[in-house]
Amino acid sequence: MLSDAQRAALKSTLGKSVEFDVPLAPKTSMKVGGPAAAHAEISSIVTLTAALSLCEQHAIPWTIIGFGSNLLVPDEGYPGLVVRLVGDFTKVSITGTRVRAGGATPVVSLCREAALAGLSGAEGLVGIPGTVGGAVRMNAGTDVEIGDVVSRVEVLVAGEKLQTFTTPEFSYRRSSLDRRAVVTAAELELKPGDPAEVQAELKRRIAKRK
């Protein structure tokens, strides 16, 4: 697992937000698996940049788990830092027909915000569990894939200082994003619609999903 030096480095960078030997089973929908050597909830791009740079420098494995939807954790747990994004990464903003959602935004929240603004095109995503970041990375979808409506993705590449922007290539349940790239936000280009009709379609799809 983590050495004393690695633990000290994580504590120095993340302070009270990092915990050690944290059970992961309660943090997943499957409710199974062992502990994370370290776990932290990170709420800002500055802290995330520092944490990932530290992991790269000190050879600490790291991963992002979002809501842990459909995630199977090995009984032996995870040997490095498990990150859950919160705070700034959960915000949604809308300008015209463009919706920007933080990587930790629940997909259902993204769909509801778009519907309230009278924007159509994301209704097919409403039943997908998990977050925008996870959905983008695996191009989640039903009859609509998130890659169909994504116009730009904001990422932070581990070990680099600046947030960058990209438009990944999407295929069935895959994207071209590098493993070291964390989806910090995504911008979706939607279409004007009638708020009542879009919200009714969301309710229909949620009922069908259930």
Protein backbone atom coordinates (compact mmCIF):
# COMPACT_ATOMS: atom_id res chain seq x y z
CA MET A 1 0.00 0.00 0.00
CA LEU A 2 1.21 3.55 0.65
CA SER A 3 4.52 4.22 2.35
CA ASP A 4 4.79 6.57 5.32
CA ALA A 5 6.43 9.14 3.02
CA GLN A 6 3.58 8.93 0.50
CA ARG A 7 0.99 9.32 3.24
CA ALA A 8 2.81 12.32 4.64
CA ALA A 9 2.98 13.93 1.20
CA LEU A 10 -0.76 13.45 0.66
CA LYS A 11 -1.54 14.85 4.10
CA SER A 12 0.68 17.87 3.46
CA THR A 13 -1.11 18.66 0.17
CA LEU A 14 -4.71 17.71 0.98
CA GLY A 15 -4.88 18.34 4.71
CA LYS A 16 -8.09 17.25 6.44
CA SER A 17 -9.77 16.27 3.17
CA VAL A 18 -7.65 13.11 2.84
CA GLU A 19 -8.36 9.98 4.90
CA PHE A 20 -6.53 6.68 4.94
CA ASP A 21 -7.72 3.07 4.80
CA VAL A 22 -11.26 4.13 3.89
CA PRO A 23 -13.83 1.37 3.10
CA LEU A 24 -15.00 1.72 -0.50
CA ALA A 25 -17.98 -0.64 -0.40
CA PRO A 26 -20.35 2.02 1.06
CA LYS A 27 -19.29 4.41 -1.71
CA THR A 28 -20.42 2.13 -4.56
CA SER A 29 -23.80 0.93 -5.80
CA MET A 30 -22.65 -2.70 -5.53
CA LYS A 31 -21.70 -2.28 -1.83
CA VAL A 32 -18.74 -4.67 -2.05
CA GLY A 33 -14.96 -4.44 -1.99
CA GLY A 34 -12.05 -3.47 0.21
CA PRO A 35 -10.61 -0.13 1.35
CA ALA A 36 -8.83 2.68 -0.45
CA ALA A 37 -5.34 3.33 0.83
CA ALA A 38 -6.32 7.02 0.67
CA HIS A 39 -9.56 8.82 -0.14
CA ALA A 40 -10.26 12.52 -0.66
CA GLU A 41 -13.14 14.72 -1.70
CA ILE A 42 -11.76 17.57 -3.81
CA SER A 43 -13.78 20.71 -4.55
CA SER A 44 -11.53 22.94 -6.69
CA ILE A 45 -9.35 22.75 -9.77
CA VAL A 46 -6.39 24.15 -7.82
CA THR A 47 -6.49 21.35 -5.26
CA LEU A 48 -7.09 18.70 -7.91
CA THR A 49 -4.09 19.94 -9.89
CA ALA A 50 -1.89 19.77 -6.80
CA ALA A 51 -3.14 16.31 -5.81
CA LEU A 52 -2.62 14.73 -9.22
CA SER A 53 0.80 16.32 -9.63
CA LEU A 54 1.78 14.93 -6.24
CA CYS A 55 0.61 11.46 -7.21
CA GLU A 56 2.64 11.57 -10.42
CA GLN A 57 5.76 12.78 -8.58
CA HIS A 58 5.53 10.21 -5.78
CA ALA A 59 4.35 7.24 -7.89
CA ILE A 60 1.00 7.07 -6.07
CA PRO A 61 -1.76 5.30 -8.02
CA TRP A 62 -4.93 7.39 -8.31
CA THR A 63 -8.42 7.08 -9.71
CA ILE A 64 -11.73 8.97 -9.81
CA ILE A 65 -14.88 7.11 -8.78
CA GLY A 66 -17.74 9.62 -9.04
CA PHE A 67 -20.84 8.01 -7.51
CA GLY A 68 -19.32 4.54 -7.78
CA SER A 69 -22.22 3.44 -10.00
CA ASN A 70 -21.89 -0.22 -11.07
CA LEU A 71 -18.32 -0.25 -9.75
CA LEU A 72 -16.76 -3.49 -8.53
CA VAL A 73 -13.93 -2.94 -6.06
CA PRO A 74 -11.54 -5.87 -5.41
CA ASP A 75 -11.62 -7.34 -1.91
CA GLU A 76 -8.01 -6.21 -1.44
CA GLY A 77 -9.09 -2.64 -2.12
CA TYR A 78 -7.26 0.08 -4.05
CA PRO A 79 -3.55 0.76 -3.34
CA GLY A 80 -3.54 4.51 -3.97
CA LEU A 81 -5.64 7.68 -3.83
CA VAL A 82 -9.33 7.51 -4.68
CA VAL A 83 -10.80 10.92 -5.50
CA ARG A 84 -14.39 12.08 -5.51
CA LEU A 85 -14.99 15.50 -7.05
CA VAL A 86 -17.42 17.83 -5.25
CA GLY A 87 -18.05 21.58 -4.92
CA ASP A 88 -17.10 23.53 -8.04
CA PHE A 89 -17.23 20.33 -10.08
CA THR A 90 -21.00 19.96 -9.54
CA LYS A 91 -22.11 23.29 -11.01
CA VAL A 92 -24.26 23.76 -14.13
CA SER A 93 -24.46 26.98 -16.15
CA ILE A 94 -26.46 27.72 -19.29
CA THR A 95 -25.75 30.31 -21.99
CA GLY A 96 -28.18 30.24 -24.88
CA THR A 97 -28.26 26.65 -26.13
CA ARG A 98 -24.94 25.72 -24.55
CA VAL A 99 -24.88 23.91 -21.20
CA ARG A 100 -21.71 23.64 -19.15
CA ALA A 101 -21.73 20.97 -16.46
CA GLY A 102 -18.98 20.13 -13.99
CA GLY A 103 -17.53 16.65 -14.18
CA ALA A 104 -19.14 15.63 -10.87
CA THR A 105 -22.62 16.81 -11.89
CA PRO A 106 -25.16 13.98 -11.71
CA VAL A 107 -26.37 13.24 -15.24
CA VAL A 108 -29.98 13.47 -14.06
CA SER A 109 -29.31 16.99 -12.72
CA LEU A 110 -27.83 18.06 -16.05
CA CYS A 111 -30.94 16.80 -17.85
CA ARG A 112 -33.31 18.54 -15.46
CA GLU A 113 -31.48 21.89 -15.65
CA ALA A 114 -31.55 21.71 -19.45
CA ALA A 115 -35.27 20.88 -19.42
CA LEU A 116 -36.08 23.79 -17.11
CA ALA A 117 -34.28 26.07 -19.57
CA GLY A 118 -36.33 24.66 -22.44
CA LEU A 119 -33.40 22.92 -24.09
CA SER A 120 -33.90 19.64 -25.89
CA GLY A 121 -31.47 16.91 -26.92
CA ALA A 122 -30.32 15.47 -23.59
CA GLU A 123 -33.55 13.75 -22.55
CA GLY A 124 -32.25 10.32 -23.54
CA LEU A 125 -29.50 10.58 -20.93
CA VAL A 126 -31.78 11.11 -17.91
CA GLY A 127 -31.85 7.48 -16.75
CA ILE A 128 -28.08 7.04 -16.76
CA PRO A 129 -26.61 6.66 -13.25
CA GLY A 130 -23.45 8.49 -12.34
CA THR A 131 -21.80 11.76 -13.26
CA VAL A 132 -21.09 13.81 -16.37
CA GLY A 133 -17.37 13.05 -16.20
CA GLY A 134 -17.91 9.30 -16.16
CA ALA A 135 -20.55 9.53 -18.87
CA VAL A 136 -18.18 11.46 -21.15
CA ARG A 137 -15.26 9.10 -20.57
CA MET A 138 -17.30 6.02 -21.53
CA ASN A 139 -19.69 7.78 -23.94
CA ALA A 140 -22.71 6.65 -21.96
CA GLY A 141 -26.07 6.59 -23.65
CA THR A 142 -29.36 4.93 -24.51
CA ASP A 143 -30.88 5.86 -27.86
CA VAL A 144 -28.80 9.04 -27.47
CA GLU A 145 -25.11 9.00 -26.50
CA ILE A 146 -23.59 11.90 -24.62
CA GLY A 147 -20.96 12.17 -27.36
CA ASP A 148 -23.76 13.17 -29.75
CA VAL A 149 -24.33 16.44 -27.89
CA VAL A 150 -20.90 17.24 -26.40
CA SER A 151 -19.21 20.21 -28.07
CA ARG A 152 -16.18 20.55 -25.80
CA VAL A 153 -14.63 18.82 -22.81
CA GLU A 154 -12.52 20.47 -20.14
CA VAL A 155 -9.84 18.17 -18.76
CA LEU A 156 -6.95 18.23 -16.34
CA VAL A 157 -4.07 15.99 -17.31
CA ALA A 158 -2.26 14.56 -14.29
CA GLY A 159 1.16 16.10 -13.85
CA GLU A 160 0.33 19.21 -15.89
CA LYS A 161 -0.44 22.63 -14.45
CA LEU A 162 -3.22 23.93 -16.67
CA GLN A 163 -6.73 22.86 -17.49
CA THR A 164 -7.04 22.15 -21.22
CA PHE A 165 -9.88 21.78 -23.70
CA THR A 166 -10.55 19.05 -26.19
CA THR A 167 -13.21 17.42 -28.32
CA PRO A 168 -12.67 13.67 -27.90
CA GLU A 169 -13.47 11.07 -30.50
CA PHE A 170 -16.39 8.94 -29.39
CA SER A 171 -17.31 5.38 -30.24
CA TYR A 172 -19.61 2.82 -28.62
CA ARG A 173 -19.03 3.13 -24.85
CA ARG A 174 -15.59 4.64 -25.41
CA SER A 175 -13.84 7.97 -25.81
CA SER A 176 -10.33 8.85 -26.92
CA LEU A 177 -9.49 10.56 -23.60
CA ASP A 178 -6.13 9.62 -22.11
CA ARG A 179 -6.16 7.71 -18.82
CA ARG A 180 -4.37 10.62 -17.11
CA ALA A 181 -7.03 13.13 -18.20
CA VAL A 182 -9.74 13.93 -15.64
CA VAL A 183 -12.97 15.36 -17.05
CA THR A 184 -13.50 18.51 -15.00
CA ALA A 185 -16.43 19.80 -17.11
CA ALA A 186 -18.24 19.27 -20.39
CA GLU A 187 -20.12 21.65 -22.66
CA LEU A 188 -23.20 20.38 -24.48
CA GLU A 189 -24.82 22.01 -27.49
CA LEU A 190 -28.59 21.49 -27.30
CA LYS A 191 -31.64 22.75 -29.20
CA PRO A 192 -34.42 25.15 -28.20
CA GLY A 193 -37.60 23.40 -27.13
CA ASP A 194 -40.76 23.86 -25.12
CA PRO A 195 -39.96 23.52 -21.38
CA ALA A 196 -43.22 21.71 -20.62
CA GLU A 197 -42.71 19.21 -23.44
CA VAL A 198 -39.07 18.55 -22.55
CA GLN A 199 -39.93 18.02 -18.87
CA ALA A 200 -42.78 15.68 -19.82
CA GLU A 201 -40.35 13.65 -21.92
CA LEU A 202 -37.96 13.43 -18.97
CA LYS A 203 -40.74 12.09 -16.74
CA ARG A 204 -41.73 9.54 -19.40
CA ARG A 205 -38.17 8.29 -19.74
CA ILE A 206 -37.62 8.10 -15.97
CA ALA A 207 -40.83 6.07 -15.57
CA LYS A 208 -39.75 3.73 -18.38
CA ARG A 209 -36.32 3.31 -16.81
CA LYS A 210 -37.85 2.39 -13.46
